[in-house]
Protein backbone atom coordinates (compact mmCIF):
# COMPACT_ATOMS: atom_id res chain seq x y z
CA MET A 1 -0.03 0.00 -0.06
CA LYS A 2 2.97 2.39 0.88
CA ALA A 3 4.56 1.81 -2.63
CA PHE A 4 1.24 2.48 -4.44
CA ALA A 5 0.43 5.45 -2.34
CA ALA A 6 4.12 6.72 -3.26
CA LEU A 7 3.24 6.06 -6.92
CA TYR A 8 -0.01 7.93 -6.87
CA ARG A 9 1.56 11.06 -5.18
CA GLU A 10 4.53 11.00 -7.84
CA LEU A 11 1.99 10.83 -10.72
CA ASP A 12 -0.33 13.43 -9.26
CA ALA A 13 2.54 15.82 -8.52
CA SER A 14 4.02 15.60 -12.11
CA THR A 15 2.89 17.10 -15.46
CA SER A 16 5.96 15.30 -17.44
CA SER A 17 4.91 12.34 -19.42
CA LEU A 18 8.47 10.97 -19.24
CA ALA A 19 8.42 11.30 -15.39
CA LYS A 20 5.17 9.60 -15.17
CA GLN A 21 6.30 6.72 -17.55
CA SER A 22 9.56 6.33 -15.61
CA ALA A 23 7.42 6.26 -12.23
CA LEU A 24 5.05 3.59 -13.77
CA GLN A 25 7.82 1.33 -15.13
CA ARG A 26 9.81 1.37 -11.78
CA TYR A 27 6.71 0.54 -9.73
CA LEU A 28 5.80 -2.40 -12.14
CA ARG A 29 9.29 -3.77 -11.91
CA GLU A 30 9.61 -3.62 -8.12
CA ALA A 31 5.95 -4.46 -7.16
CA ASP A 32 4.53 -7.83 -6.10
CA ALA A 33 2.65 -9.43 -9.00
CA ALA A 34 -0.62 -9.18 -7.10
CA ASP A 35 -0.05 -5.52 -6.14
CA ALA A 36 0.96 -4.78 -9.83
CA ALA A 37 -2.18 -6.48 -11.14
CA TRP A 38 -4.34 -4.15 -8.88
CA ALA A 39 -2.42 -1.23 -9.56
CA VAL A 40 -2.87 -1.49 -13.35
CA TYR A 41 -6.50 -2.21 -12.74
CA PHE A 42 -6.99 1.24 -11.03
CA LEU A 43 -4.58 3.12 -13.12
CA ALA A 44 -6.34 1.75 -16.41
CA GLY A 45 -9.72 3.07 -15.21
CA GLY A 46 -11.21 0.26 -13.04
CA LYS A 47 -12.47 1.40 -9.73
CA PRO A 48 -15.02 -0.18 -7.29
CA ARG A 49 -18.25 1.39 -6.78
CA GLN A 50 -18.63 3.37 -3.39
CA LEU A 51 -18.11 1.06 -0.63
CA VAL A 52 -19.05 3.13 2.32
CA PRO A 53 -21.79 5.77 2.58
CA THR A 54 -20.48 9.15 2.34
CA LYS A 55 -22.67 10.47 5.14
CA LEU A 56 -21.07 7.78 7.50
CA LEU A 57 -17.45 8.73 6.45
CA ARG A 58 -18.27 12.34 7.12
CA LEU A 59 -19.71 11.77 10.58
CA LEU A 60 -16.91 9.45 11.65
CA ALA A 61 -14.33 11.86 10.41
CA GLN A 62 -15.80 14.79 12.27
CA GLU A 63 -15.82 12.61 15.56
CA ALA A 64 -12.23 11.45 15.03
CA ALA A 65 -10.81 14.89 14.37
CA GLY A 66 -13.05 16.53 17.20
CA LEU A 67 -14.62 19.08 15.06
CA PRO A 68 -18.01 20.51 14.71
CA GLU A 69 -20.07 20.13 11.70
CA TRP A 70 -19.70 23.69 10.54
CA LEU A 71 -16.00 23.46 10.87
CA PHE A 72 -15.70 20.25 8.98
CA ASP A 73 -17.86 21.72 6.20
CA GLU A 74 -15.57 24.89 6.10
CA SER A 75 -12.45 22.57 5.80
CA TYR A 76 -14.23 20.51 2.95
CA ASP A 77 -14.88 23.65 1.04
CA ALA A 78 -11.48 24.96 1.35
CA VAL A 79 -10.07 21.52 0.16
CA GLY A 80 -12.56 20.78 -2.45
CA ASP A 81 -12.21 17.10 -2.16
CA LEU A 82 -14.01 14.72 0.53
CA ALA A 83 -11.18 12.03 0.53
CA GLU A 84 -8.27 14.55 0.81
CA THR A 85 -10.21 16.53 3.62
CA ILE A 86 -10.60 13.46 5.67
CA ALA A 87 -7.15 12.17 5.09
CA LEU A 88 -5.81 15.65 6.36
CA LEU A 89 -8.11 16.00 9.40
CA LEU A 90 -7.81 12.50 10.97
CA PRO A 91 -5.33 12.20 13.98
CA PRO A 92 -1.86 10.53 13.16
CA PRO A 93 -1.82 6.63 12.94
CA SER A 94 -1.28 4.73 16.20
CA GLU A 95 -0.49 1.49 14.55
CA VAL A 96 1.75 0.19 11.65
CA HIS A 97 1.12 -2.37 8.75
CA ASP A 98 3.22 -3.99 6.11
CA LEU A 99 0.45 -5.21 3.74
CA GLY A 100 0.50 -4.58 0.10
CA LEU A 101 -1.93 -3.03 -2.11
CA ALA A 102 -3.65 -6.28 -3.11
CA ALA A 103 -4.11 -7.36 0.60
CA TRP A 104 -5.66 -4.01 1.46
CA VAL A 105 -8.03 -4.24 -1.42
CA GLU A 106 -9.10 -7.94 -0.95
CA GLN A 107 -9.01 -8.17 2.77
CA HIS A 108 -10.21 -4.64 4.00
CA LEU A 109 -11.75 -2.62 1.29
CA LEU A 110 -13.85 -4.99 -0.93
CA PRO A 111 -15.46 -6.59 2.33
CA LEU A 112 -16.77 -3.12 3.52
CA ARG A 113 -19.71 -3.21 0.94
CA ASP A 114 -21.01 -6.50 2.43
CA ALA A 115 -20.28 -5.40 6.03
CA ALA A 116 -22.30 -2.11 5.32
CA LYS A 117 -25.34 -4.44 4.46
CA THR A 118 -24.94 -7.34 7.01
CA ALA A 119 -23.33 -5.71 9.98
CA PRO A 120 -23.71 -1.92 9.62
CA ASP A 121 -23.53 -1.40 13.54
CA ALA A 122 -19.85 -2.85 13.26
CA LEU A 123 -18.87 -0.95 10.30
CA PRO A 124 -17.62 2.17 12.27
CA GLN A 125 -15.30 0.30 14.55
CA ARG A 126 -14.03 -1.52 11.34
CA LEU A 127 -13.22 1.75 9.63
CA ARG A 128 -11.52 3.18 12.72
CA ALA A 129 -9.28 0.21 13.03
CA GLN A 130 -8.27 0.53 9.38
CA TRP A 131 -7.61 4.32 9.70
CA ARG A 132 -5.36 3.63 12.82
CA GLN A 133 -2.97 1.77 10.55
CA LEU A 134 -2.66 4.19 7.51
CA ALA A 135 -0.34 7.08 7.18
CA ALA A 136 -1.63 10.26 5.54
CA GLU A 137 -0.52 9.60 2.05
CA GLU A 138 -2.03 6.02 2.27
CA ARG A 139 -5.25 7.52 3.63
CA LEU A 140 -5.63 9.66 0.56
CA VAL A 141 -5.66 6.78 -1.68
CA TYR A 142 -7.69 4.64 0.61
CA PHE A 143 -10.53 7.25 0.79
CA LYS A 144 -10.29 7.70 -2.91
CA LEU A 145 -10.99 4.09 -3.54
CA ILE A 146 -13.74 3.54 -0.90
CA THR A 147 -15.58 6.50 -2.21
CA GLY A 148 -15.37 5.56 -5.85
CA ALA A 149 -13.53 8.67 -6.69
CA PHE A 150 -10.08 7.35 -7.55
CA ARG A 151 -8.50 9.00 -10.55
CA VAL A 152 -5.08 10.25 -11.33
CA GLY A 153 -3.31 12.06 -14.09
CA VAL A 154 -2.36 8.97 -16.21
CA SER A 155 -3.93 7.57 -19.18
CA LYS A 156 -4.69 3.98 -20.18
CA LEU A 157 -2.24 4.46 -23.04
CA GLN A 158 0.46 5.43 -20.65
CA VAL A 159 -0.16 2.37 -18.53
CA THR A 160 -0.16 0.09 -21.68
CA GLN A 161 3.19 1.59 -22.72
CA ALA A 162 4.74 1.16 -19.32
CA LEU A 163 3.61 -2.62 -19.32
CA ALA A 164 4.90 -2.96 -22.97
CA ALA A 165 8.35 -1.60 -21.87
CA VAL A 166 8.65 -3.72 -18.75
CA GLY A 167 7.66 -6.88 -20.63
CA GLY A 168 9.64 -5.97 -23.69
CA ILE A 169 6.74 -6.67 -26.17
CA ASP A 170 4.86 -4.43 -28.65
CA ALA A 171 2.34 -2.03 -27.09
CA LYS A 172 -0.42 -2.90 -29.41
CA ARG A 173 -0.44 -6.52 -28.26
CA VAL A 174 -0.57 -5.37 -24.43
CA ALA A 175 -3.53 -3.21 -25.61
CA GLN A 176 -5.23 -6.26 -27.00
CA ARG A 177 -4.74 -8.25 -23.77
CA LEU A 178 -6.04 -5.58 -21.72
CA MET A 179 -9.36 -5.28 -23.46
CA GLY A 180 -12.08 -5.91 -20.73
CA TYR A 181 -9.40 -5.92 -18.12
CA THR A 182 -11.22 -3.27 -15.98
CA HIS A 183 -14.49 -5.10 -16.30
CA ILE A 184 -13.41 -8.04 -14.55
CA ALA A 185 -16.14 -8.71 -11.80
CA PRO A 186 -13.92 -10.00 -8.91
CA GLY A 187 -10.94 -8.04 -9.96
CA PRO A 188 -7.61 -9.03 -11.43
CA GLY A 189 -5.77 -11.89 -10.19
CA PRO A 190 -2.01 -12.15 -9.31
CA THR A 191 -1.11 -13.51 -12.75
CA SER A 192 -3.02 -10.80 -14.73
CA THR A 193 -0.28 -8.29 -15.19
CA ALA A 194 2.37 -11.27 -15.96
CA ARG A 195 -0.10 -12.46 -18.67
CA SER A 196 -0.49 -8.95 -20.14
CA SER A 197 3.19 -8.14 -20.60
CA HIS A 198 4.64 -11.88 -21.02
CA PRO A 199 6.37 -11.82 -24.67
CA SER A 200 5.58 -15.41 -25.39
CA ARG A 201 1.75 -15.22 -24.81
CA ALA A 202 -0.06 -15.53 -27.94
CA PRO A 203 -2.97 -12.78 -28.39
CA SER A 204 -6.04 -13.91 -26.98
CA ARG A 205 -9.40 -14.23 -28.87
CA CYS A 206 -12.79 -14.72 -27.20
CA ARG A 207 -10.86 -15.66 -23.87
CA ARG A 208 -12.16 -14.38 -20.60
CA PRO A 209 -10.43 -14.72 -17.10
CA ALA A 210 -11.78 -17.64 -15.08
CA GLY A 211 -14.48 -16.87 -12.71
CA SER A 212 -15.47 -13.52 -14.27
CA ARG A 213 -18.49 -12.30 -16.17
CA THR A 214 -17.79 -11.98 -19.76
CA PRO A 215 -17.44 -8.41 -21.06
CA SER A 216 -19.77 -7.38 -23.72
CA PHE A 217 -17.10 -7.22 -26.44
CA TRP A 218 -16.01 -10.98 -25.68
CA ARG A 219 -19.69 -11.93 -25.92
CA ILE A 220 -20.20 -10.35 -29.29
CA ARG A 221 -17.12 -12.16 -30.94
CA SER A 222 -17.82 -15.42 -29.11
CA THR A 223 -21.35 -15.54 -30.20
CA CYS A 224 -20.43 -14.76 -33.75
CA ARG A 225 -17.48 -17.24 -33.88
CA SER A 226 -19.81 -20.04 -32.43
CA ASN A 227 -22.02 -19.78 -35.63
CA SER A 228 -19.22 -19.06 -38.23
CA SER A 229 -15.62 -18.81 -38.74
CA MET A 230 -16.14 -15.29 -39.84
CA PRO A 231 -15.77 -12.38 -37.29
CA CYS A 232 -18.89 -10.77 -36.33
CA TRP A 233 -18.30 -7.57 -38.11
CA GLY A 234 -18.20 -9.44 -41.39
CA ARG A 235 -21.56 -11.16 -41.29
CA LEU A 236 -25.12 -10.08 -41.43
CA PRO A 237 -27.94 -12.25 -39.79
CA THR A 238 -29.88 -14.54 -41.90
CA GLY A 239 -32.36 -12.59 -44.14
CA SER A 240 -30.54 -9.21 -43.91
CA SER A 241 -29.43 -9.06 -47.36
CA SER A 242 -31.65 -7.96 -50.25
CA GLY A 243 -31.41 -8.13 -54.10
CA SER A 244 -29.73 -10.69 -56.18
CA GLY A 245 -26.70 -11.36 -58.30
CA THR A 246 -23.22 -9.55 -58.22
CA ALA A 247 -24.77 -6.23 -57.25
CA SER A 248 -26.53 -7.78 -54.33
CA ALA A 249 -23.44 -9.26 -53.26
CA ARG A 250 -21.40 -6.15 -53.33
CA ASN A 251 -24.28 -4.26 -51.28
CA SER A 252 -24.32 -7.16 -48.85
CA SER A 253 -20.73 -6.95 -48.34
CA SER A 254 -20.69 -3.31 -47.68
CA ALA A 255 -23.74 -3.56 -45.31
CA ARG A 256 -21.83 -6.45 -43.35
CA ALA A 257 -18.94 -4.05 -42.56
CA ARG A 258 -21.52 -1.42 -41.63
CA TYR A 259 -23.80 -3.49 -39.61
CA GLY A 260 -20.91 -5.33 -37.65
CA CYS A 261 -19.07 -2.17 -36.82
CA GLY A 262 -22.22 -0.53 -35.56
CA ARG A 263 -23.29 -3.43 -33.37
CA ALA A 264 -19.81 -3.68 -31.83
CA ALA A 265 -19.76 -0.14 -31.08
CA LYS A 266 -23.13 -0.14 -29.59
CA ASN A 267 -22.58 -3.20 -27.48
CA TRP A 268 -19.07 -2.00 -26.14
């Protein structure tokens, strides 16, 4: 968690594309595989839905900081971001931890949603116990994630380029392997990043991670390929063509491309 928080701070503080690329590559080379998989997931645009109600977070933060509601609201207005406001107002941590990003996400953050539904009375104490372990810079990332507001000044293209550089393969192949990566229902696994950047891995077609819901793009191609060897954007459904002879074939071929591309874009 500390390494990812440091990466977030470095990316957020820099406007240089070269500096951001250097920071991404350094993190991917040094991070544990499971931590790198979650980092790529978040940096490429994936984020969990809000895990804890905002009203509860505000109330607990006010109590922990010992502030009246009006002063908390004034602080929030001055900072302009709820996650940063809470991270700054909470008292210093009283405990330490050595958990990585993957352990924090899987063992602490994601279970909060179920806890909010099944044991709401125990949720405040659970949150306080987590806050006591996190330093200020880690708290910022933590609150960004649980409020569903995580974003940083780096594009998916930059993440793709960093993975390609670390893995020593073409960026286009990495981009192909990352299709649907941020739509994985249970989140990435520890081998996800290694698979994306491994030079010997052949490009995948109609393949989805085990145990995950199939992204709409894969559903389109898988459905089409199950009925024909032709890709989905090269075939019209039965009865869609009209006319006869050579002119009909040409019109049908043109319509196939239009129909397929339109359907893929619509469903994606």
